[in-house]
C-alpha atoms as a PDB file:
ATOM      1  CA  MET A   1      14.254  21.531 -37.526  1.00  0.00           C
ATOM      2  CA  ARG A   2      14.849  24.987 -36.077  1.00  0.00           C
ATOM      3  CA  PHE A   3      11.960  27.136 -34.943  1.00  0.00           C
ATOM      4  CA  LEU A   4      12.201  30.813 -35.881  1.00  0.00           C
ATOM      5  CA  ALA A   5       9.608  33.440 -35.110  1.00  0.00           C
ATOM      6  CA  ALA A   6       8.016  35.169 -38.084  1.00  0.00           C
ATOM      7  CA  GLY A   7      10.130  38.025 -39.307  1.00  0.00           C
ATOM      8  CA  SER A   8      13.380  36.679 -37.832  1.00  0.00           C
ATOM      9  CA  PRO A   9      16.279  38.585 -39.356  1.00  0.00           C
ATOM     10  CA  VAL A  10      18.955  37.065 -41.534  1.00  0.00           C
ATOM     11  CA  ARG A  11      22.624  37.751 -40.962  1.00  0.00           C
ATOM     12  CA  ASN A  12      25.276  36.757 -43.506  1.00  0.00           C
ATOM     13  CA  GLY A  13      22.612  34.811 -45.387  1.00  0.00           C
ATOM     14  CA  THR A  14      21.729  32.635 -42.395  1.00  0.00           C
ATOM     15  CA  ALA A  15      18.752  32.976 -40.094  1.00  0.00           C
ATOM     16  CA  LEU A  16      19.640  33.715 -36.485  1.00  0.00           C
ATOM     17  CA  ARG A  17      20.332  30.659 -34.389  1.00  0.00           C
ATOM     18  CA  CYS A  18      17.354  29.826 -32.219  1.00  0.00           C
ATOM     19  CA  VAL A  19      17.277  26.899 -29.821  1.00  0.00           C
ATOM     20  CA  THR A  20      13.510  26.459 -29.524  1.00  0.00           C
ATOM     21  CA  SER A  21      12.722  23.489 -31.755  1.00  0.00           C
ATOM     22  CA  ARG A  22       9.383  21.714 -32.138  1.00  0.00           C
ATOM     23  CA  ARG A  23      10.937  18.681 -30.451  1.00  0.00           C
ATOM     24  CA  SER A  24      12.014  20.750 -27.443  1.00  0.00           C
ATOM     25  CA  ILE A  25       8.571  22.348 -27.217  1.00  0.00           C
ATOM     26  CA  LEU A  26       6.857  18.950 -27.164  1.00  0.00           C
ATOM     27  CA  GLY A  27       9.410  17.731 -24.632  1.00  0.00           C
ATOM     28  CA  TYR A  28       8.651  20.715 -22.446  1.00  0.00           C
ATOM     29  CA  TYR A  29       4.916  19.933 -22.383  1.00  0.00           C
ATOM     30  CA  ALA A  30       5.619  16.282 -21.567  1.00  0.00           C
ATOM     31  CA  ALA A  31       7.934  17.247 -18.705  1.00  0.00           C
ATOM     32  CA  MET A  32       5.399  19.683 -17.294  1.00  0.00           C
ATOM     33  CA  THR A  33       2.677  17.028 -17.336  1.00  0.00           C
ATOM     34  CA  GLU A  34       4.918  14.554 -15.503  1.00  0.00           C
ATOM     35  CA  ARG A  35       5.829  17.140 -12.844  1.00  0.00           C
ATOM     36  CA  GLY A  36       2.294  17.978 -11.766  1.00  0.00           C
ATOM     37  CA  SER A  37      -1.053  16.368 -11.373  1.00  0.00           C
ATOM     38  CA  GLY A  38      -1.557  16.275 -15.126  1.00  0.00           C
ATOM     39  CA  GLN A  39      -3.624  19.448 -15.192  1.00  0.00           C
ATOM     40  CA  ARG A  40      -1.899  21.855 -17.556  1.00  0.00           C
ATOM     41  CA  LEU A  41      -2.871  25.025 -19.334  1.00  0.00           C
ATOM     42  CA  LEU A  42      -0.719  24.537 -22.412  1.00  0.00           C
ATOM     43  CA  ALA A  43      -1.170  21.896 -25.084  1.00  0.00           C
ATOM     44  CA  PRO A  44       1.304  20.681 -27.736  1.00  0.00           C
ATOM     45  CA  GLY A  45      -0.223  23.007 -30.347  1.00  0.00           C
ATOM     46  CA  ASP A  46       0.539  26.118 -28.290  1.00  0.00           C
ATOM     47  CA  PRO A  47       3.689  28.208 -28.689  1.00  0.00           C
ATOM     48  CA  SER A  48       6.599  27.751 -26.318  1.00  0.00           C
ATOM     49  CA  PRO A  49       6.525  30.037 -23.252  1.00  0.00           C
ATOM     50  CA  PHE A  50       9.946  31.350 -24.270  1.00  0.00           C
ATOM     51  CA  THR A  51      12.354  31.532 -27.186  1.00  0.00           C
ATOM     52  CA  ILE A  52      16.137  31.691 -26.838  1.00  0.00           C
ATOM     53  CA  LEU A  53      18.260  33.310 -29.542  1.00  0.00           C
ATOM     54  CA  ILE A  54      22.010  32.863 -30.035  1.00  0.00           C
ATOM     55  CA  PRO A  55      22.668  31.127 -26.690  1.00  0.00           C
ATOM     56  CA  HIS A  56      26.425  31.085 -27.289  1.00  0.00           C
ATOM     57  CA  GLY A  57      26.665  34.668 -28.531  1.00  0.00           C
ATOM     58  CA  ALA A  58      29.976  36.403 -27.861  1.00  0.00           C
ATOM     59  CA  ALA A  59      28.621  39.746 -26.623  1.00  0.00           C
ATOM     60  CA  PRO A  60      28.844  40.307 -22.825  1.00  0.00           C
ATOM     61  CA  VAL A  61      25.136  41.025 -22.554  1.00  0.00           C
ATOM     62  CA  VAL A  62      21.832  39.177 -22.321  1.00  0.00           C
ATOM     63  CA  LEU A  63      18.839  40.726 -24.082  1.00  0.00           C
ATOM     64  CA  LEU A  64      15.382  40.205 -22.606  1.00  0.00           C
ATOM     65  CA  CYS A  65      11.960  40.846 -24.106  1.00  0.00           C
ATOM     66  CA  ASP A  66       9.182  40.435 -21.549  1.00  0.00           C
ATOM     67  CA  HIS A  67       6.296  41.435 -23.841  1.00  0.00           C
ATOM     68  CA  ALA A  68       7.412  39.892 -27.127  1.00  0.00           C
ATOM     69  CA  SER A  69       4.179  38.147 -28.126  1.00  0.00           C
ATOM     70  CA  ASN A  70       0.412  38.585 -28.184  1.00  0.00           C
ATOM     71  CA  ALA A  71      -0.198  34.821 -28.369  1.00  0.00           C
ATOM     72  CA  ILE A  72      -2.846  33.287 -26.106  1.00  0.00           C
ATOM     73  CA  PRO A  73      -3.002  29.583 -25.144  1.00  0.00           C
ATOM     74  CA  ALA A  74      -5.757  27.791 -27.019  1.00  0.00           C
ATOM     75  CA  ALA A  75      -7.420  26.807 -23.743  1.00  0.00           C
ATOM     76  CA  LEU A  76      -8.067  30.493 -22.993  1.00  0.00           C
ATOM     77  CA  GLY A  77      -9.651  31.244 -26.359  1.00  0.00           C
ATOM     78  CA  ASP A  78      -9.308  34.925 -27.147  1.00  0.00           C
ATOM     79  CA  LEU A  79      -9.841  36.147 -23.555  1.00  0.00           C
ATOM     80  CA  GLY A  80     -13.084  37.658 -24.834  1.00  0.00           C
ATOM     81  CA  LEU A  81     -11.259  40.209 -27.003  1.00  0.00           C
ATOM     82  CA  ASP A  82     -11.577  40.821 -30.727  1.00  0.00           C
ATOM     83  CA  GLU A  83      -8.563  40.770 -33.037  1.00  0.00           C
ATOM     84  CA  ALA A  84      -8.204  44.545 -32.978  1.00  0.00           C
ATOM     85  CA  ALA A  85      -7.889  44.585 -29.188  1.00  0.00           C
ATOM     86  CA  ARG A  86      -5.457  41.649 -29.212  1.00  0.00           C
ATOM     87  CA  SER A  87      -3.260  43.566 -31.652  1.00  0.00           C
ATOM     88  CA  ARG A  88      -3.031  46.673 -29.458  1.00  0.00           C
ATOM     89  CA  HIS A  89      -0.314  47.585 -26.999  1.00  0.00           C
ATOM     90  CA  ILE A  90      -2.404  46.185 -24.162  1.00  0.00           C
ATOM     91  CA  ALA A  91      -1.545  42.675 -25.375  1.00  0.00           C
ATOM     92  CA  TRP A  92       2.175  43.104 -26.151  1.00  0.00           C
ATOM     93  CA  ASP A  93       4.951  45.591 -26.810  1.00  0.00           C
ATOM     94  CA  ILE A  94       4.505  46.269 -30.507  1.00  0.00           C
ATOM     95  CA  GLY A  95       7.797  45.954 -32.383  1.00  0.00           C
ATOM     96  CA  ALA A  96       9.812  44.822 -29.353  1.00  0.00           C
ATOM     97  CA  ALA A  97      10.340  41.266 -30.588  1.00  0.00           C
ATOM     98  CA  ASP A  98      11.528  42.469 -33.997  1.00  0.00           C
ATOM     99  CA  VAL A  99      13.962  44.905 -32.396  1.00  0.00           C
ATOM    100  CA  THR A 100      15.269  42.176 -30.086  1.00  0.00           C
ATOM    101  CA  HIS A 101      15.754  39.716 -32.962  1.00  0.00           C
ATOM    102  CA  HIS A 102      17.699  42.269 -34.974  1.00  0.00           C
ATOM    103  CA  LEU A 103      19.663  43.510 -31.978  1.00  0.00           C
ATOM    104  CA  ALA A 104      20.708  39.972 -31.054  1.00  0.00           C
ATOM    105  CA  GLY A 105      22.066  39.491 -34.566  1.00  0.00           C
ATOM    106  CA  ILE A 106      23.856  42.829 -34.691  1.00  0.00           C
ATOM    107  CA  LEU A 107      25.584  42.319 -31.330  1.00  0.00           C
ATOM    108  CA  ASP A 108      25.944  38.523 -31.505  1.00  0.00           C
ATOM    109  CA  ALA A 109      24.124  38.508 -28.175  1.00  0.00           C
ATOM    110  CA  PRO A 110      22.067  35.816 -26.432  1.00  0.00           C
ATOM    111  CA  ALA A 111      18.427  36.736 -25.890  1.00  0.00           C
ATOM    112  CA  VAL A 112      15.257  35.408 -24.276  1.00  0.00           C
ATOM    113  CA  LEU A 113      11.790  36.385 -25.521  1.00  0.00           C
ATOM    114  CA  SER A 114       8.509  35.629 -23.772  1.00  0.00           C
ATOM    115  CA  GLY A 115       5.990  33.458 -25.563  1.00  0.00           C
ATOM    116  CA  PHE A 116       2.585  34.729 -24.458  1.00  0.00           C
ATOM    117  CA  SER A 117       0.607  37.929 -24.215  1.00  0.00           C
ATOM    118  CA  ARG A 118       1.010  40.157 -21.198  1.00  0.00           C
ATOM    119  CA  LEU A 119      -2.764  39.765 -20.798  1.00  0.00           C
ATOM    120  CA  VAL A 120      -2.275  36.057 -20.077  1.00  0.00           C
ATOM    121  CA  VAL A 121       0.315  36.940 -17.444  1.00  0.00           C
ATOM    122  CA  ASP A 122       2.694  39.893 -17.392  1.00  0.00           C
ATOM    123  CA  CYS A 123       6.257  38.591 -17.144  1.00  0.00           C
ATOM    124  CA  ASN A 124       7.470  42.010 -15.962  1.00  0.00           C
ATOM    125  CA  ARG A 125       5.372  41.839 -12.797  1.00  0.00           C
ATOM    126  CA  SER A 126       5.685  39.775  -9.697  1.00  0.00           C
ATOM    127  CA  HIS A 127       3.378  36.791 -10.168  1.00  0.00           C
ATOM    128  CA  ASP A 128       1.218  37.911  -7.240  1.00  0.00           C
ATOM    129  CA  ASP A 129       0.963  41.534  -8.399  1.00  0.00           C
ATOM    130  CA  PRO A 130      -2.687  42.548  -9.020  1.00  0.00           C
ATOM    131  CA  THR A 131      -1.638  43.904 -12.433  1.00  0.00           C
ATOM    132  CA  ALA A 132      -0.069  40.609 -13.549  1.00  0.00           C
ATOM    133  CA  MET A 133      -3.430  39.552 -15.066  1.00  0.00           C
ATOM    134  CA  ARG A 134      -5.245  42.773 -15.784  1.00  0.00           C
ATOM    135  CA  GLN A 135      -9.033  42.830 -15.810  1.00  0.00           C
ATOM    136  CA  ILE A 136      -8.977  46.280 -17.436  1.00  0.00           C
ATOM    137  CA  SER A 137      -6.096  47.590 -19.532  1.00  0.00           C
ATOM    138  CA  ASP A 138      -5.994  51.130 -20.915  1.00  0.00           C
ATOM    139  CA  GLY A 139      -9.788  51.324 -20.714  1.00  0.00           C
ATOM    140  CA  THR A 140     -10.410  47.923 -22.323  1.00  0.00           C
ATOM    141  CA  ILE A 141     -12.182  45.272 -20.247  1.00  0.00           C
ATOM    142  CA  VAL A 142     -10.570  41.827 -20.527  1.00  0.00           C
ATOM    143  CA  PRO A 143     -13.469  39.396 -19.934  1.00  0.00           C
ATOM    144  CA  GLY A 144     -11.217  36.339 -19.757  1.00  0.00           C
ATOM    145  CA  ASN A 145      -9.362  37.829 -16.791  1.00  0.00           C
ATOM    146  CA  ARG A 146     -12.375  38.692 -14.685  1.00  0.00           C
ATOM    147  CA  GLY A 147     -13.072  36.642 -11.583  1.00  0.00           C
ATOM    148  CA  LEU A 148     -10.088  34.336 -12.017  1.00  0.00           C
ATOM    149  CA  GLU A 149      -9.930  31.618  -9.386  1.00  0.00           C
ATOM    150  CA  ALA A 150      -6.657  30.736  -7.699  1.00  0.00           C
ATOM    151  CA  THR A 151      -6.310  27.524  -9.716  1.00  0.00           C
ATOM    152  CA  ALA A 152      -6.683  29.347 -13.027  1.00  0.00           C
ATOM    153  CA  ARG A 153      -4.090  31.937 -12.002  1.00  0.00           C
ATOM    154  CA  ALA A 154      -1.717  29.215 -10.832  1.00  0.00           C
ATOM    155  CA  LEU A 155      -1.906  27.398 -14.175  1.00  0.00           C
ATOM    156  CA  ARG A 156      -0.961  30.557 -16.077  1.00  0.00           C
ATOM    157  CA  ILE A 157       1.901  31.251 -13.702  1.00  0.00           C
ATOM    158  CA  GLU A 158       3.249  27.703 -13.836  1.00  0.00           C
ATOM    159  CA  ASP A 159       2.992  27.236 -17.614  1.00  0.00           C
ATOM    160  CA  CYS A 160       3.601  30.726 -19.016  1.00  0.00           C
ATOM    161  CA  TYR A 161       5.431  32.794 -16.390  1.00  0.00           C
ATOM    162  CA  TRP A 162       7.969  30.663 -14.542  1.00  0.00           C
ATOM    163  CA  PRO A 163       9.295  28.892 -17.650  1.00  0.00           C
ATOM    164  CA  TYR A 164      10.275  32.278 -19.104  1.00  0.00           C
ATOM    165  CA  HIS A 165      12.004  33.417 -15.931  1.00  0.00           C
ATOM    166  CA  ARG A 166      13.730  30.063 -15.487  1.00  0.00           C
ATOM    167  CA  ALA A 167      15.015  30.393 -19.056  1.00  0.00           C
ATOM    168  CA  VAL A 168      16.307  33.894 -18.266  1.00  0.00           C
ATOM    169  CA  THR A 169      18.089  32.670 -15.131  1.00  0.00           C
ATOM    170  CA  GLY A 170      19.532  29.690 -16.980  1.00  0.00           C
ATOM    171  CA  LEU A 171      20.866  31.733 -19.879  1.00  0.00           C
ATOM    172  CA  ILE A 172      22.430  34.380 -17.615  1.00  0.00           C
ATOM    173  CA  ASP A 173      24.064  31.640 -15.535  1.00  0.00           C
ATOM    174  CA  GLU A 174      25.362  29.973 -18.691  1.00  0.00           C
ATOM    175  CA  VAL A 175      26.971  33.210 -19.854  1.00  0.00           C
ATOM    176  CA  ALA A 176      28.402  33.850 -16.374  1.00  0.00           C
ATOM    177  CA  ALA A 177      29.889  30.342 -16.331  1.00  0.00           C
ATOM    178  CA  ARG A 178      32.150  31.417 -19.202  1.00  0.00           C
ATOM    179  CA  GLY A 179      33.775  33.938 -16.899  1.00  0.00           C
ATOM    180  CA  VAL A 180      31.674  36.848 -18.179  1.00  0.00           C
ATOM    181  CA  THR A 181      29.626  39.211 -16.025  1.00  0.00           C
ATOM    182  CA  PRO A 182      26.776  39.872 -18.469  1.00  0.00           C
ATOM    183  CA  ALA A 183      25.007  43.192 -18.647  1.00  0.00           C
ATOM    184  CA  ILE A 184      21.213  42.960 -18.873  1.00  0.00           C
ATOM    185  CA  VAL A 185      19.207  44.916 -21.451  1.00  0.00           C
ATOM    186  CA  SER A 186      15.416  44.656 -21.289  1.00  0.00           C
ATOM    187  CA  VAL A 187      13.722  45.712 -24.540  1.00  0.00           C
ATOM    188  CA  HIS A 188      10.280  47.314 -24.360  1.00  0.00           C
ATOM    189  CA  THR A 189       8.217  49.678 -26.479  1.00  0.00           C
ATOM    190  CA  CYS A 190       5.734  52.350 -25.438  1.00  0.00           C
ATOM    191  CA  THR A 191       2.772  54.066 -27.041  1.00  0.00           C
ATOM    192  CA  PRO A 192       3.316  57.483 -28.670  1.00  0.00           C
ATOM    193  CA  VAL A 193       0.302  58.828 -26.756  1.00  0.00           C
ATOM    194  CA  MET A 194      -0.891  57.908 -23.261  1.00  0.00           C
ATOM    195  CA  LYS A 195      -3.864  59.534 -21.540  1.00  0.00           C
ATOM    196  CA  ASP A 196      -3.925  62.303 -24.171  1.00  0.00           C
ATOM    197  CA  PHE A 197      -0.258  63.143 -23.573  1.00  0.00           C
ATOM    198  CA  GLU A 198       1.925  63.015 -26.690  1.00  0.00           C
ATOM    199  CA  ARG A 199       5.224  61.519 -25.659  1.00  0.00           C
ATOM    200  CA  PRO A 200       8.114  63.473 -27.198  1.00  0.00           C
ATOM    201  CA  TRP A 201      10.776  60.866 -26.504  1.00  0.00           C
ATOM    202  CA  HIS A 202      11.936  58.585 -29.309  1.00  0.00           C
ATOM    203  CA  ILE A 203      13.534  56.274 -26.775  1.00  0.00           C
ATOM    204  CA  GLY A 204      13.567  56.081 -23.000  1.00  0.00           C
ATOM    205  CA  VAL A 205      16.529  54.714 -21.025  1.00  0.00           C
ATOM    206  CA  LEU A 206      15.404  53.487 -17.602  1.00  0.00           C
ATOM    207  CA  SER A 207      17.678  52.777 -14.666  1.00  0.00           C
ATOM    208  CA  ASN A 208      17.694  52.416 -10.899  1.00  0.00           C
ATOM    209  CA  HIS A 209      20.534  53.453  -8.542  1.00  0.00           C
ATOM    210  CA  ASP A 210      23.122  51.745 -10.743  1.00  0.00           C
ATOM    211  CA  ARG A 211      23.434  54.252 -13.613  1.00  0.00           C
ATOM    212  CA  ARG A 212      26.673  52.948 -15.128  1.00  0.00           C
ATOM    213  CA  MET A 213      25.041  51.665 -18.270  1.00  0.00           C
ATOM    214  CA  ALA A 214      22.289  54.265 -18.514  1.00  0.00           C
ATOM    215  CA  ASP A 215      24.656  57.244 -18.388  1.00  0.00           C
ATOM    216  CA  LEU A 216      26.959  55.771 -21.015  1.00  0.00           C
ATOM    217  CA  LEU A 217      24.093  54.752 -23.305  1.00  0.00           C
ATOM    218  CA  ILE A 218      22.363  58.140 -23.075  1.00  0.00           C
ATOM    219  CA  ALA A 219      25.665  59.835 -23.959  1.00  0.00           C
ATOM    220  CA  GLU A 220      26.151  57.530 -26.963  1.00  0.00           C
ATOM    221  CA  LEU A 221      22.613  58.036 -28.238  1.00  0.00           C
ATOM    222  CA  ALA A 222      22.889  61.808 -27.740  1.00  0.00           C
ATOM    223  CA  ARG A 223      25.574  61.905 -30.446  1.00  0.00           C
ATOM    224  CA  ASP A 224      22.570  62.027 -32.783  1.00  0.00           C
ATOM    225  CA  SER A 225      21.175  65.499 -32.101  1.00  0.00           C
ATOM    226  CA  ALA A 226      17.887  64.600 -33.769  1.00  0.00           C
ATOM    227  CA  LEU A 227      17.008  62.100 -31.039  1.00  0.00           C
ATOM    228  CA  CYS A 228      14.814  62.974 -28.077  1.00  0.00           C
ATOM    229  CA  ILE A 229      15.998  60.684 -25.268  1.00  0.00           C
ATOM    230  CA  GLY A 230      14.094  60.135 -22.048  1.00  0.00           C
ATOM    231  CA  ASP A 231      16.144  59.647 -18.890  1.00  0.00           C
ATOM    232  CA  ASN A 232      13.798  57.504 -16.779  1.00  0.00           C
ATOM    233  CA  GLN A 233      10.991  58.562 -19.110  1.00  0.00           C
ATOM    234  CA  PRO A 234       8.229  57.736 -19.942  1.00  0.00           C
ATOM    235  CA  TYR A 235       8.547  55.412 -16.948  1.00  0.00           C
ATOM    236  CA  SER A 236      11.119  55.168 -14.178  1.00  0.00           C
ATOM    237  CA  GLY A 237      13.601  52.463 -13.297  1.00  0.00           C
ATOM    238  CA  PHE A 238      12.520  53.048  -9.694  1.00  0.00           C
ATOM    239  CA  ASP A 239       8.966  51.937 -10.530  1.00  0.00           C
ATOM    240  CA  PRO A 240       8.085  49.193  -8.027  1.00  0.00           C
ATOM    241  CA  HIS A 241       6.020  47.287 -10.590  1.00  0.00           C
ATOM    242  CA  GLY A 242       9.012  46.180 -12.675  1.00  0.00           C
ATOM    243  CA  TYR A 243      10.116  42.617 -11.991  1.00  0.00           C
ATOM    244  CA  THR A 244      12.627  41.392 -14.566  1.00  0.00           C
ATOM    245  CA  ILE A 245      15.457  43.859 -13.943  1.00  0.00           C
ATOM    246  CA  GLU A 246      14.833  43.774 -10.191  1.00  0.00           C
ATOM    247  CA  THR A 247      15.099  39.986 -10.202  1.00  0.00           C
ATOM    248  CA  HIS A 248      17.755  39.185 -12.793  1.00  0.00           C
ATOM    249  CA  ALA A 249      20.080  42.205 -12.670  1.00  0.00           C
ATOM    250  CA  LEU A 250      19.978  44.215  -9.451  1.00  0.00           C
ATOM    251  CA  PRO A 251      20.532  41.484  -6.824  1.00  0.00           C
ATOM    252  CA  ARG A 252      23.877  40.494  -8.367  1.00  0.00           C
ATOM    253  CA  GLY A 253      24.958  44.002  -9.265  1.00  0.00           C
ATOM    254  CA  ARG A 254      24.863  43.464 -13.019  1.00  0.00           C
ATOM    255  CA  ALA A 255      24.971  46.544 -15.233  1.00  0.00           C
ATOM    256  CA  ASN A 256      21.528  47.050 -16.741  1.00  0.00           C
ATOM    257  CA  VAL A 257      19.076  49.249 -18.597  1.00  0.00           C
ATOM    258  CA  LEU A 258      15.465  48.959 -19.642  1.00  0.00           C
ATOM    259  CA  LEU A 259      14.695  50.479 -23.038  1.00  0.00           C
ATOM    260  CA  GLU A 260      11.338  51.988 -24.025  1.00  0.00           C
ATOM    261  CA  ILE A 261      11.276  52.677 -27.773  1.00  0.00           C
ATOM    262  CA  ARG A 262       8.232  54.484 -29.124  1.00  0.00           C
ATOM    263  CA  GLN A 263       5.986  52.025 -30.928  1.00  0.00           C
ATOM    264  CA  ASP A 264       5.217  54.175 -33.966  1.00  0.00           C
ATOM    265  CA  LEU A 265       8.946  54.060 -34.777  1.00  0.00           C
ATOM    266  CA  VAL A 266       9.259  50.263 -34.735  1.00  0.00           C
ATOM    267  CA  ASP A 267       5.855  48.982 -35.882  1.00  0.00           C
ATOM    268  CA  THR A 268       7.311  47.921 -39.249  1.00  0.00           C
ATOM    269  CA  HIS A 269      10.214  45.552 -39.918  1.00  0.00           C
ATOM    270  CA  HIS A 270      12.116  48.416 -41.546  1.00  0.00           C
ATOM    271  CA  GLY A 271      11.618  50.640 -38.514  1.00  0.00           C
ATOM    272  CA  ALA A 272      12.588  47.862 -36.103  1.00  0.00           C
ATOM    273  CA  LEU A 273      15.780  47.190 -38.050  1.00  0.00           C
ATOM    274  CA  HIS A 274      16.664  50.902 -38.151  1.00  0.00           C
ATOM    275  CA  TRP A 275      16.296  51.245 -34.389  1.00  0.00           C
ATOM    276  CA  ALA A 276      18.114  47.994 -33.691  1.00  0.00           C
ATOM    277  CA  GLU A 277      21.037  49.289 -35.749  1.00  0.00           C
ATOM    278  CA  LEU A 278      20.976  52.640 -33.973  1.00  0.00           C
ATOM    279  CA  VAL A 279      20.751  51.126 -30.495  1.00  0.00           C
ATOM    280  CA  GLY A 280      23.142  48.301 -31.396  1.00  0.00           C
ATOM    281  CA  LYS A 281      25.898  50.712 -32.397  1.00  0.00           C
ATOM    282  CA  ALA A 282      25.488  52.648 -29.145  1.00  0.00           C
ATOM    283  CA  LEU A 283      25.340  49.489 -27.015  1.00  0.00           C
ATOM    284  CA  ALA A 284      28.470  48.055 -28.634  1.00  0.00           C
ATOM    285  CA  ASN A 285      30.413  51.111 -27.480  1.00  0.00           C
ATOM    286  CA  VAL A 286      28.864  50.943 -24.012  1.00  0.00           C
ATOM    287  CA  LEU A 287      29.649  47.245 -23.590  1.00  0.00           C
ATOM    288  CA  ALA A 288      33.306  47.923 -24.410  1.00  0.00           C
ATOM    289  CA  HIS A 289      33.600  50.155 -21.327  1.00  0.00           C
ATOM    290  CA  PRO A 290      35.491  48.407 -18.476  1.00  0.00           C
ATOM    291  CA  ASP A 291      32.967  49.482 -15.811  1.00  0.00           C
ATOM    292  CA  ILE A 292      30.229  47.452 -17.508  1.00  0.00           C
ATOM    293  CA  ALA A 293      32.090  44.153 -17.317  1.00  0.00           C
ATOM    294  CA  ARG A 294      32.003  43.901 -13.520  1.00  0.00           C
ATOM    295  CA  ALA A 295      29.478  43.507 -10.756  1.00  0.00           C
ATOM    296  CA  THR A 296      28.861  46.540  -8.573  1.00  0.00           C
ATOM    297  CA  GLY A 297      29.749  46.812  -4.916  1.00  0.00           C
ATOM    298  CA  ALA A 298      27.373  45.898  -2.128  1.00  0.00           C
ATOM    299  CA  GLU A 299      26.448  49.532  -1.506  1.00  0.00           C
ATOM    300  CA  VAL A 300      24.788  49.830  -4.927  1.00  0.00           C
ATOM    301  CA  LYS A 301      23.071  46.459  -4.649  1.00  0.00           C
ATOM    302  CA  GLU A 302      21.660  47.295  -1.249  1.00  0.00           C
ATOM    303  CA  ALA A 303      20.498  50.743  -2.395  1.00  0.00           C
ATOM    304  CA  SER A 304      18.677  49.087  -5.256  1.00  0.00           C
END
């Protein structure tokens, strides 16, 4: 039986192909128990630490969603937060999973989505970054993250963090083995207001030194004069806290962008679909450009 996240889109009358089955989830937990001392954070009733969509998709791109879920392993309870707090942006990127599901279907692109809340461990941080398990997030104290001992941190990293990144590496390598140099698109969402500043951008396109994909995508999106597009806004691709693009794209010179779509535009299924269609059309044109289908030279990789 196939496992599909709630709200998974349907294309041509068939739900998107997803390779995370209940059998594979149970097998994962068994394998993890055999590998270590037997002490594990996750139990068979917990979600998988990652979900893979359309692994054999034809598009020359891999979609990533680092903050797809607000799920918390049962062993951690609710981290001391009420439901309202666990539903806020501090726990996940609202709408990002829906956009990624739709975008994967539109492009016929493989995708990897994280399985647990960024408050459990932030998959877009280095595992030893102080912000990987925030004790305070946007003014909200996270009791379950206070005073974490090394063993507790290690369990989260081993069960929730590395499996996601291993899945990302594996999927990218699988696509590359077909003779394709896949571009990497990381899908995020951002709050419409941060620290009393109303963000005017509908979507931000983040990049580092390699701007091949960013420049083309911004130009495609700008065909719609109604859009306000942020170039390295509201965050920057040079931000040292980012981990996923820096790890899975830059070292091998793969074309890449990180998207930040404003959450109030994608917090409904209808909104997520609209933005996936808009971004999907632009990305399809970008991916057809010959400069995207190659790795960059050493000078760009070293500068990054």
